[in-house]
């Protein structure tokens, strides 16, 4: 069973993470902006009334809608959502239903979604080599960054079309 003290301890142990001053939320700076990766759920107790913090529920950023759907379908006792989060990559986590180890994985994955690539790579390099190789758990995403080598071309440069006149996607271009 995890609590807000566990959330704070784990979140602040992540490189570049900081706690917001006004409310229970954790961010990491990316490209000059603070990007939230975990925050207390602001619950609406009555229609048209202000939302109030619920300290037993944590909103956690996820990679995309597919990961959100997997978490929600996989364990509805731990994870849920509300209409406010429709279309947004975050799940609500019942802190009492997760262990500190499960919470750590959720927070690290959330931090990885928002942290700049350099911090994520530095964190991966800081882990012991024996743990880095093959840390992929069943149903989870890779812990190591899987990036292709960058092209030396300028960002706007495009490769030429194939010689048969078709576009790179296999369709005939519009004329």
N, C-alpha and C. Protein backbone atom coordinates (compact mmCIF):
# COMPACT_ATOMS: atom_id res chain seq x y z
N UNK A 1 0.84 -1.18 0.00
CA UNK A 1 0.00 0.00 0.00
C UNK A 1 0.89 1.24 0.00
N UNK A 2 0.72 2.07 -1.00
CA UNK A 2 1.53 3.28 -1.14
C UNK A 2 0.75 4.49 -0.62
N UNK A 3 1.47 5.56 -0.34
CA UNK A 3 0.82 6.80 0.09
C UNK A 3 1.56 7.99 -0.52
N UNK A 4 1.13 9.20 -0.17
CA UNK A 4 1.73 10.39 -0.75
C UNK A 4 3.20 10.55 -0.37
N UNK A 5 3.59 10.07 0.80
CA UNK A 5 5.01 10.13 1.17
C UNK A 5 5.85 9.28 0.21
N UNK A 6 5.33 8.11 -0.18
CA UNK A 6 6.04 7.26 -1.15
C UNK A 6 6.12 7.97 -2.50
N UNK A 7 5.02 8.59 -2.91
CA UNK A 7 5.01 9.32 -4.18
C UNK A 7 6.08 10.41 -4.16
N UNK A 8 6.11 11.18 -3.13
CA UNK A 8 7.07 12.28 -3.01
C UNK A 8 8.51 11.75 -3.02
N UNK A 9 8.78 10.71 -2.23
CA UNK A 9 10.12 10.14 -2.15
C UNK A 9 10.58 9.63 -3.52
N UNK A 10 9.72 8.88 -4.21
CA UNK A 10 10.08 8.30 -5.50
C UNK A 10 10.21 9.39 -6.56
N UNK A 11 9.23 10.27 -6.64
CA UNK A 11 9.24 11.31 -7.69
C UNK A 11 10.46 12.23 -7.56
N UNK A 12 10.78 12.63 -6.34
CA UNK A 12 11.91 13.55 -6.16
C UNK A 12 13.26 12.85 -6.33
N UNK A 13 13.27 11.52 -6.36
CA UNK A 13 14.52 10.80 -6.60
C UNK A 13 14.86 10.77 -8.09
N UNK A 14 13.91 11.13 -8.94
CA UNK A 14 14.13 11.12 -10.39
C UNK A 14 14.87 12.40 -10.80
N UNK A 15 15.82 12.24 -11.69
CA UNK A 15 16.68 13.34 -12.09
C UNK A 15 15.87 14.49 -12.69
N UNK A 16 16.07 15.68 -12.16
CA UNK A 16 15.41 16.88 -12.69
C UNK A 16 13.98 17.09 -12.20
N UNK A 17 13.45 16.17 -11.41
CA UNK A 17 12.06 16.28 -10.95
C UNK A 17 11.97 17.29 -9.81
N UNK A 18 10.84 17.98 -9.78
CA UNK A 18 10.58 18.90 -8.66
C UNK A 18 9.10 18.92 -8.34
N UNK A 19 8.82 19.29 -7.10
CA UNK A 19 7.43 19.35 -6.64
C UNK A 19 6.92 20.77 -6.79
N UNK A 20 5.70 20.89 -7.27
CA UNK A 20 5.08 22.21 -7.38
C UNK A 20 4.85 22.79 -5.99
N UNK A 21 4.90 24.08 -5.87
CA UNK A 21 4.73 24.72 -4.57
C UNK A 21 3.29 24.77 -4.10
N UNK A 22 2.36 25.00 -5.00
CA UNK A 22 0.97 25.24 -4.61
C UNK A 22 0.12 24.00 -4.42
N UNK A 23 0.50 22.90 -5.04
CA UNK A 23 -0.28 21.68 -4.89
C UNK A 23 0.61 20.46 -5.10
N UNK A 24 0.08 19.29 -4.78
CA UNK A 24 0.84 18.04 -4.83
C UNK A 24 0.95 17.59 -6.28
N UNK A 25 2.01 18.05 -6.95
CA UNK A 25 2.24 17.71 -8.35
C UNK A 25 3.75 17.70 -8.59
N UNK A 26 4.19 16.85 -9.54
CA UNK A 26 5.60 16.71 -9.83
C UNK A 26 5.84 16.94 -11.31
N UNK A 27 6.90 17.70 -11.59
CA UNK A 27 7.22 18.09 -12.96
C UNK A 27 8.69 17.86 -13.23
N UNK A 28 9.03 17.91 -14.52
CA UNK A 28 10.41 17.89 -14.96
C UNK A 28 10.51 18.91 -16.09
N UNK A 29 11.62 19.64 -16.14
CA UNK A 29 11.77 20.67 -17.16
C UNK A 29 12.18 20.03 -18.48
N UNK A 30 11.47 20.41 -19.54
CA UNK A 30 11.77 19.94 -20.88
C UNK A 30 11.58 21.11 -21.84
N UNK A 31 12.66 21.51 -22.50
CA UNK A 31 12.65 22.63 -23.45
C UNK A 31 12.14 23.91 -22.80
N UNK A 32 12.57 24.17 -21.58
CA UNK A 32 12.23 25.41 -20.90
C UNK A 32 10.87 25.44 -20.24
N UNK A 33 10.11 24.35 -20.32
CA UNK A 33 8.78 24.30 -19.71
C UNK A 33 8.73 23.18 -18.69
N UNK A 34 7.95 23.38 -17.64
CA UNK A 34 7.73 22.33 -16.65
C UNK A 34 6.64 21.40 -17.17
N UNK A 35 6.97 20.12 -17.30
CA UNK A 35 6.03 19.13 -17.80
C UNK A 35 5.62 18.20 -16.66
N UNK A 36 4.33 18.17 -16.36
CA UNK A 36 3.83 17.35 -15.26
C UNK A 36 3.82 15.87 -15.60
N UNK A 37 4.26 15.05 -14.65
CA UNK A 37 4.21 13.61 -14.86
C UNK A 37 3.38 12.90 -13.78
N UNK A 38 3.09 13.57 -12.67
CA UNK A 38 2.22 12.99 -11.64
C UNK A 38 1.64 14.12 -10.80
N UNK A 39 0.36 13.99 -10.43
CA UNK A 39 -0.29 15.02 -9.64
C UNK A 39 -1.49 14.42 -8.91
N UNK A 40 -1.88 15.07 -7.83
CA UNK A 40 -3.03 14.61 -7.06
C UNK A 40 -4.29 14.83 -7.91
N UNK A 41 -5.23 13.89 -7.82
CA UNK A 41 -6.47 14.00 -8.57
C UNK A 41 -7.34 15.07 -7.93
N UNK A 42 -7.83 15.97 -8.75
CA UNK A 42 -8.78 16.98 -8.29
C UNK A 42 -10.17 16.45 -8.63
N UNK A 43 -10.86 16.00 -7.62
CA UNK A 43 -12.15 15.34 -7.78
C UNK A 43 -13.29 16.36 -7.71
N UNK A 44 -14.27 16.18 -8.58
CA UNK A 44 -15.46 17.03 -8.53
C UNK A 44 -16.50 16.29 -7.70
N UNK A 45 -16.79 16.81 -6.50
CA UNK A 45 -17.72 16.15 -5.58
C UNK A 45 -19.17 16.46 -5.93
N UNK A 46 -19.41 17.64 -6.50
CA UNK A 46 -20.77 18.03 -6.88
C UNK A 46 -20.70 18.80 -8.19
N UNK A 47 -21.72 18.64 -9.04
CA UNK A 47 -21.72 19.37 -10.31
C UNK A 47 -21.64 20.88 -10.09
N UNK A 48 -20.88 21.51 -10.96
CA UNK A 48 -20.73 22.97 -10.96
C UNK A 48 -20.07 23.51 -9.69
N UNK A 49 -19.43 22.65 -8.95
CA UNK A 49 -18.66 23.06 -7.77
C UNK A 49 -17.18 22.86 -8.08
N UNK A 50 -16.32 23.59 -7.38
CA UNK A 50 -14.88 23.44 -7.65
C UNK A 50 -14.39 22.03 -7.32
N UNK A 51 -13.35 21.62 -8.02
CA UNK A 51 -12.72 20.34 -7.75
C UNK A 51 -11.88 20.44 -6.48
N UNK A 52 -11.79 19.34 -5.75
CA UNK A 52 -11.01 19.31 -4.52
C UNK A 52 -9.99 18.17 -4.60
N UNK A 53 -8.80 18.36 -4.02
CA UNK A 53 -7.78 17.31 -4.08
C UNK A 53 -8.22 16.06 -3.32
N UNK A 54 -7.98 14.91 -3.92
CA UNK A 54 -8.24 13.63 -3.27
C UNK A 54 -6.87 12.98 -3.05
N UNK A 55 -6.36 12.99 -1.83
CA UNK A 55 -5.00 12.51 -1.57
C UNK A 55 -4.81 11.01 -1.76
N UNK A 56 -5.89 10.25 -1.91
CA UNK A 56 -5.79 8.80 -2.11
C UNK A 56 -5.63 8.41 -3.57
N UNK A 57 -5.78 9.38 -4.47
CA UNK A 57 -5.73 9.10 -5.91
C UNK A 57 -4.64 9.97 -6.55
N UNK A 58 -3.84 9.34 -7.39
CA UNK A 58 -2.77 10.04 -8.10
C UNK A 58 -3.03 9.93 -9.60
N UNK A 59 -2.94 11.04 -10.30
CA UNK A 59 -2.99 11.03 -11.76
C UNK A 59 -1.56 10.87 -12.25
N UNK A 60 -1.36 9.92 -13.17
CA UNK A 60 -0.02 9.62 -13.66
C UNK A 60 -0.04 9.64 -15.18
N UNK A 61 0.93 10.33 -15.75
CA UNK A 61 1.06 10.42 -17.20
C UNK A 61 1.48 9.07 -17.77
N UNK A 62 0.91 8.71 -18.92
CA UNK A 62 1.30 7.49 -19.64
C UNK A 62 1.75 7.87 -21.04
N UNK A 63 2.35 6.92 -21.73
CA UNK A 63 2.94 7.20 -23.04
C UNK A 63 1.89 7.60 -24.08
N UNK A 64 0.80 6.85 -24.17
CA UNK A 64 -0.20 7.12 -25.20
C UNK A 64 -1.52 6.46 -24.83
N UNK A 65 -2.50 6.59 -25.72
CA UNK A 65 -3.83 6.04 -25.46
C UNK A 65 -3.80 4.52 -25.37
N UNK A 66 -2.92 3.88 -26.12
CA UNK A 66 -2.84 2.41 -26.08
C UNK A 66 -2.37 1.94 -24.70
N UNK A 67 -1.34 2.58 -24.17
CA UNK A 67 -0.87 2.20 -22.83
C UNK A 67 -1.93 2.47 -21.78
N UNK A 68 -2.65 3.58 -21.94
CA UNK A 68 -3.73 3.91 -21.02
C UNK A 68 -4.80 2.82 -21.05
N UNK A 69 -5.19 2.39 -22.25
CA UNK A 69 -6.22 1.35 -22.39
C UNK A 69 -5.76 0.03 -21.78
N UNK A 70 -4.49 -0.31 -21.95
CA UNK A 70 -3.96 -1.55 -21.39
C UNK A 70 -4.03 -1.51 -19.86
N UNK A 71 -3.60 -0.41 -19.26
CA UNK A 71 -3.63 -0.29 -17.81
C UNK A 71 -5.07 -0.35 -17.28
N UNK A 72 -5.97 0.38 -17.93
CA UNK A 72 -7.36 0.42 -17.47
C UNK A 72 -8.03 -0.95 -17.58
N UNK A 73 -7.78 -1.65 -18.68
CA UNK A 73 -8.40 -2.96 -18.88
C UNK A 73 -7.73 -4.03 -18.02
N UNK A 74 -6.44 -3.88 -17.78
CA UNK A 74 -5.69 -4.90 -17.07
C UNK A 74 -5.96 -4.98 -15.58
N UNK A 75 -6.25 -3.86 -14.94
CA UNK A 75 -6.44 -3.89 -13.50
C UNK A 75 -7.34 -2.73 -13.05
N UNK A 76 -8.66 -2.89 -13.20
CA UNK A 76 -9.57 -1.81 -12.82
C UNK A 76 -9.61 -1.53 -11.31
N UNK A 77 -9.06 -2.43 -10.50
CA UNK A 77 -8.99 -2.17 -9.06
C UNK A 77 -7.94 -1.11 -8.75
N UNK A 78 -6.92 -1.03 -9.57
CA UNK A 78 -5.83 -0.06 -9.35
C UNK A 78 -5.99 1.20 -10.19
N UNK A 79 -6.45 1.04 -11.42
CA UNK A 79 -6.48 2.15 -12.37
C UNK A 79 -7.90 2.46 -12.82
N UNK A 80 -8.18 3.74 -13.00
CA UNK A 80 -9.47 4.15 -13.54
C UNK A 80 -9.27 5.51 -14.20
N UNK A 81 -10.34 6.00 -14.79
CA UNK A 81 -10.29 7.32 -15.41
C UNK A 81 -11.64 7.99 -15.20
N UNK A 82 -11.76 9.20 -15.67
CA UNK A 82 -13.02 9.93 -15.61
C UNK A 82 -13.14 10.72 -16.91
N UNK A 83 -14.31 11.23 -17.23
CA UNK A 83 -14.48 11.95 -18.49
C UNK A 83 -13.51 13.12 -18.68
N UNK A 84 -13.08 13.75 -17.61
CA UNK A 84 -12.13 14.86 -17.70
C UNK A 84 -10.83 14.44 -18.40
N UNK A 85 -10.45 13.17 -18.26
CA UNK A 85 -9.20 12.68 -18.83
C UNK A 85 -9.38 11.96 -20.17
N UNK A 86 -10.59 11.99 -20.75
CA UNK A 86 -10.81 11.39 -22.07
C UNK A 86 -9.92 12.08 -23.09
N UNK A 87 -9.19 11.30 -23.86
CA UNK A 87 -8.32 11.84 -24.88
C UNK A 87 -6.99 12.35 -24.35
N UNK A 88 -6.74 12.24 -23.07
CA UNK A 88 -5.48 12.71 -22.48
C UNK A 88 -4.71 11.50 -21.96
N UNK A 89 -3.41 11.41 -22.22
CA UNK A 89 -2.64 10.24 -21.81
C UNK A 89 -2.28 10.23 -20.32
N UNK A 90 -3.24 9.94 -19.49
CA UNK A 90 -3.01 9.83 -18.05
C UNK A 90 -4.05 8.88 -17.47
N UNK A 91 -3.66 8.17 -16.41
CA UNK A 91 -4.58 7.30 -15.68
C UNK A 91 -4.63 7.75 -14.24
N UNK A 92 -5.71 7.42 -13.58
CA UNK A 92 -5.86 7.69 -12.16
C UNK A 92 -5.53 6.40 -11.41
N UNK A 93 -4.69 6.52 -10.38
CA UNK A 93 -4.18 5.36 -9.65
C UNK A 93 -4.66 5.43 -8.21
N UNK A 94 -5.27 4.35 -7.75
CA UNK A 94 -5.65 4.24 -6.34
C UNK A 94 -4.39 3.87 -5.56
N UNK A 95 -3.87 4.80 -4.77
CA UNK A 95 -2.61 4.57 -4.07
C UNK A 95 -2.68 3.38 -3.12
N UNK A 96 -3.81 3.18 -2.50
CA UNK A 96 -3.93 2.06 -1.56
C UNK A 96 -3.88 0.70 -2.24
N UNK A 97 -4.05 0.68 -3.57
CA UNK A 97 -4.08 -0.59 -4.30
C UNK A 97 -2.74 -0.93 -4.95
N UNK A 98 -1.73 -0.07 -4.83
CA UNK A 98 -0.43 -0.34 -5.43
C UNK A 98 0.64 -0.44 -4.36
N UNK A 99 1.65 -1.23 -4.64
CA UNK A 99 2.79 -1.33 -3.74
C UNK A 99 3.78 -0.23 -4.09
N UNK A 100 4.69 0.09 -3.20
CA UNK A 100 5.72 1.08 -3.55
C UNK A 100 6.53 0.69 -4.79
N UNK A 101 6.79 -0.59 -5.00
CA UNK A 101 7.53 -1.03 -6.20
C UNK A 101 6.72 -0.76 -7.47
N UNK A 102 5.42 -1.04 -7.44
CA UNK A 102 4.57 -0.76 -8.59
C UNK A 102 4.47 0.74 -8.83
N UNK A 103 4.38 1.50 -7.74
CA UNK A 103 4.33 2.96 -7.85
C UNK A 103 5.61 3.49 -8.48
N UNK A 104 6.76 2.94 -8.08
CA UNK A 104 8.03 3.37 -8.65
C UNK A 104 8.04 3.17 -10.17
N UNK A 105 7.59 2.01 -10.63
CA UNK A 105 7.56 1.76 -12.08
C UNK A 105 6.64 2.75 -12.79
N UNK A 106 5.47 3.00 -12.22
CA UNK A 106 4.54 3.96 -12.83
C UNK A 106 5.16 5.35 -12.91
N UNK A 107 5.79 5.79 -11.82
CA UNK A 107 6.36 7.13 -11.79
C UNK A 107 7.57 7.26 -12.71
N UNK A 108 8.40 6.24 -12.77
CA UNK A 108 9.56 6.28 -13.67
C UNK A 108 9.09 6.33 -15.11
N UNK A 109 8.10 5.51 -15.47
CA UNK A 109 7.57 5.54 -16.83
C UNK A 109 6.94 6.89 -17.15
N UNK A 110 6.22 7.47 -16.19
CA UNK A 110 5.61 8.79 -16.40
C UNK A 110 6.69 9.85 -16.58
N UNK A 111 7.73 9.79 -15.76
CA UNK A 111 8.85 10.74 -15.87
C UNK A 111 9.51 10.61 -17.23
N UNK A 112 9.69 9.36 -17.70
CA UNK A 112 10.32 9.13 -19.01
C UNK A 112 9.49 9.75 -20.15
N UNK A 113 8.17 9.80 -19.98
CA UNK A 113 7.30 10.40 -21.01
C UNK A 113 7.54 11.90 -21.13
N UNK A 114 7.91 12.55 -20.05
CA UNK A 114 8.00 14.00 -20.03
C UNK A 114 9.42 14.55 -19.99
N UNK A 115 10.37 13.77 -19.54
CA UNK A 115 11.74 14.24 -19.38
C UNK A 115 12.42 14.39 -20.75
N UNK A 116 13.37 15.31 -20.84
CA UNK A 116 14.13 15.43 -22.09
C UNK A 116 14.95 14.17 -22.34
N UNK A 117 15.18 13.88 -23.59
CA UNK A 117 15.89 12.66 -23.98
C UNK A 117 17.24 12.55 -23.27
N UNK A 118 17.95 13.65 -23.11
CA UNK A 118 19.27 13.59 -22.47
C UNK A 118 19.17 13.09 -21.03
N UNK A 119 18.15 13.54 -20.28
CA UNK A 119 17.98 13.05 -18.91
C UNK A 119 17.62 11.57 -18.89
N UNK A 120 16.77 11.16 -19.81
CA UNK A 120 16.36 9.76 -19.87
C UNK A 120 17.57 8.88 -20.19
N UNK A 121 18.39 9.31 -21.15
CA UNK A 121 19.59 8.54 -21.49
C UNK A 121 20.59 8.53 -20.35
N UNK A 122 20.76 9.66 -19.66
CA UNK A 122 21.66 9.71 -18.50
C UNK A 122 21.19 8.76 -17.41
N UNK A 123 19.88 8.71 -17.17
CA UNK A 123 19.34 7.82 -16.15
C UNK A 123 19.55 6.37 -16.54
N UNK A 124 19.42 6.06 -17.83
CA UNK A 124 19.64 4.69 -18.30
C UNK A 124 21.11 4.31 -18.16
N UNK A 125 22.01 5.24 -18.43
CA UNK A 125 23.45 4.98 -18.31
C UNK A 125 23.87 4.82 -16.86
N UNK A 126 23.14 5.41 -15.93
CA UNK A 126 23.50 5.37 -14.51
C UNK A 126 23.14 4.03 -13.87
N UNK A 127 22.25 3.26 -14.50
CA UNK A 127 21.87 1.96 -13.94
C UNK A 127 23.01 0.97 -14.12
N UNK A 128 23.14 0.00 -13.24
CA UNK A 128 24.18 -1.03 -13.41
C UNK A 128 23.98 -1.79 -14.71
N UNK A 129 25.06 -2.16 -15.42
CA UNK A 129 24.94 -2.83 -16.73
C UNK A 129 24.14 -4.13 -16.66
N UNK A 130 24.26 -4.89 -15.60
CA UNK A 130 23.53 -6.16 -15.52
C UNK A 130 22.03 -5.94 -15.53
N UNK A 131 21.56 -4.84 -14.97
CA UNK A 131 20.12 -4.58 -14.94
C UNK A 131 19.65 -4.00 -16.26
N UNK A 132 20.53 -3.29 -16.99
CA UNK A 132 20.12 -2.63 -18.23
C UNK A 132 19.74 -3.63 -19.30
N UNK A 133 20.51 -4.69 -19.44
CA UNK A 133 20.25 -5.65 -20.51
C UNK A 133 18.99 -6.45 -20.19
N UNK A 134 18.04 -6.42 -21.07
CA UNK A 134 16.84 -7.23 -20.94
C UNK A 134 15.95 -6.89 -19.78
N UNK A 135 15.75 -5.62 -19.49
CA UNK A 135 14.87 -5.23 -18.39
C UNK A 135 13.42 -5.15 -18.83
N UNK A 136 13.12 -5.63 -19.99
CA UNK A 136 11.77 -5.54 -20.52
C UNK A 136 10.87 -6.54 -19.79
N UNK A 137 9.89 -6.02 -19.08
CA UNK A 137 8.93 -6.87 -18.38
C UNK A 137 7.81 -7.24 -19.32
N UNK A 138 7.12 -8.32 -19.00
CA UNK A 138 6.01 -8.75 -19.85
C UNK A 138 4.97 -7.64 -19.93
N UNK A 139 4.63 -7.24 -21.15
CA UNK A 139 3.59 -6.24 -21.36
C UNK A 139 4.03 -4.82 -21.12
N UNK A 140 5.30 -4.59 -20.84
CA UNK A 140 5.75 -3.22 -20.61
C UNK A 140 6.60 -2.76 -21.78
N UNK A 141 6.88 -1.50 -21.80
CA UNK A 141 7.69 -0.97 -22.88
C UNK A 141 9.16 -1.06 -22.49
N UNK A 142 10.00 -0.90 -23.47
CA UNK A 142 11.44 -1.00 -23.23
C UNK A 142 11.90 0.10 -22.30
N UNK A 143 12.81 -0.24 -21.43
CA UNK A 143 13.36 0.75 -20.50
C UNK A 143 14.44 1.55 -21.20
N UNK A 144 15.23 0.88 -22.04
CA UNK A 144 16.27 1.56 -22.78
C UNK A 144 15.64 2.38 -23.90
N UNK A 145 16.17 3.57 -24.18
CA UNK A 145 15.63 4.34 -25.30
C UNK A 145 15.92 3.62 -26.61
N UNK A 146 14.91 3.50 -27.43
CA UNK A 146 15.08 2.83 -28.71
C UNK A 146 14.96 3.88 -29.80
N UNK A 147 16.04 4.54 -30.07
CA UNK A 147 16.04 5.59 -31.08
C UNK A 147 16.91 5.16 -32.24
N UNK A 148 16.51 5.56 -33.43
CA UNK A 148 17.32 5.29 -34.60
C UNK A 148 18.40 6.35 -34.69
N UNK A 149 19.52 6.03 -35.30
CA UNK A 149 20.54 7.06 -35.48
C UNK A 149 19.97 8.19 -36.31
N UNK A 150 20.30 9.38 -35.93
CA UNK A 150 19.78 10.53 -36.67
C UNK A 150 20.47 10.67 -38.01
N UNK A 151 19.70 11.09 -38.99
CA UNK A 151 20.23 11.33 -40.31
C UNK A 151 21.10 12.58 -40.27
N UNK A 152 22.08 12.64 -41.12
CA UNK A 152 22.95 13.82 -41.16
C UNK A 152 22.35 14.91 -42.05
N UNK A 153 21.23 14.59 -42.70
CA UNK A 153 20.58 15.58 -43.54
C UNK A 153 19.91 16.63 -42.67
N UNK A 154 19.57 17.74 -43.30
CA UNK A 154 18.84 18.77 -42.56
C UNK A 154 17.46 18.25 -42.24
N UNK A 155 16.82 18.79 -41.17
CA UNK A 155 15.51 18.27 -40.76
C UNK A 155 14.45 18.30 -41.85
N UNK A 156 14.53 19.25 -42.75
CA UNK A 156 13.50 19.37 -43.78
C UNK A 156 13.80 18.56 -45.03
N UNK A 157 15.02 17.97 -45.13
CA UNK A 157 15.39 17.25 -46.34
C UNK A 157 14.60 15.95 -46.44
N UNK A 158 14.20 15.62 -47.66
CA UNK A 158 13.44 14.39 -47.88
C UNK A 158 14.20 13.52 -48.85
N UNK A 159 14.07 12.24 -48.71
CA UNK A 159 14.72 11.33 -49.64
C UNK A 159 13.93 11.34 -50.95
N UNK A 160 14.60 11.07 -52.05
CA UNK A 160 13.90 11.09 -53.34
C UNK A 160 12.87 9.97 -53.43
N UNK A 161 11.88 10.17 -54.31
CA UNK A 161 10.86 9.15 -54.51
C UNK A 161 11.48 7.95 -55.20
N UNK A 162 10.90 6.78 -55.02
CA UNK A 162 11.40 5.59 -55.72
C UNK A 162 11.32 5.79 -57.24
N UNK A 163 12.14 5.06 -58.00
CA UNK A 163 12.20 5.28 -59.45
C UNK A 163 10.93 4.90 -60.20
N UNK A 164 10.02 4.11 -59.60
CA UNK A 164 8.81 3.71 -60.32
C UNK A 164 7.73 4.79 -60.32
N UNK A 165 8.01 5.98 -59.75
CA UNK A 165 7.06 7.07 -59.77
C UNK A 165 6.07 7.05 -58.61
N UNK A 166 6.16 6.06 -57.75
CA UNK A 166 5.25 5.98 -56.61
C UNK A 166 5.85 6.76 -55.44
N UNK A 167 5.03 7.14 -54.50
CA UNK A 167 5.54 7.84 -53.33
C UNK A 167 6.18 6.83 -52.39
N UNK A 168 6.85 7.31 -51.38
CA UNK A 168 7.50 6.43 -50.42
C UNK A 168 6.48 5.57 -49.67
N UNK A 169 5.25 5.98 -49.59
CA UNK A 169 4.21 5.23 -48.88
C UNK A 169 3.53 4.22 -49.79
N UNK A 170 3.96 4.12 -51.03
CA UNK A 170 3.41 3.10 -51.92
C UNK A 170 2.22 3.59 -52.74
N UNK A 171 1.82 4.84 -52.57
CA UNK A 171 0.69 5.36 -53.35
C UNK A 171 1.23 6.18 -54.51
N UNK A 172 0.44 6.23 -55.55
CA UNK A 172 0.79 7.10 -56.67
C UNK A 172 0.49 8.52 -56.27
N UNK A 173 1.45 9.45 -56.45
CA UNK A 173 1.21 10.83 -56.02
C UNK A 173 0.09 11.49 -56.82
N UNK A 174 -0.61 12.41 -56.17
CA UNK A 174 -1.66 13.16 -56.85
C UNK A 174 -1.02 14.11 -57.85
N UNK A 175 -1.71 14.35 -58.94
CA UNK A 175 -1.21 15.29 -59.96
C UNK A 175 -2.11 16.47 -60.04
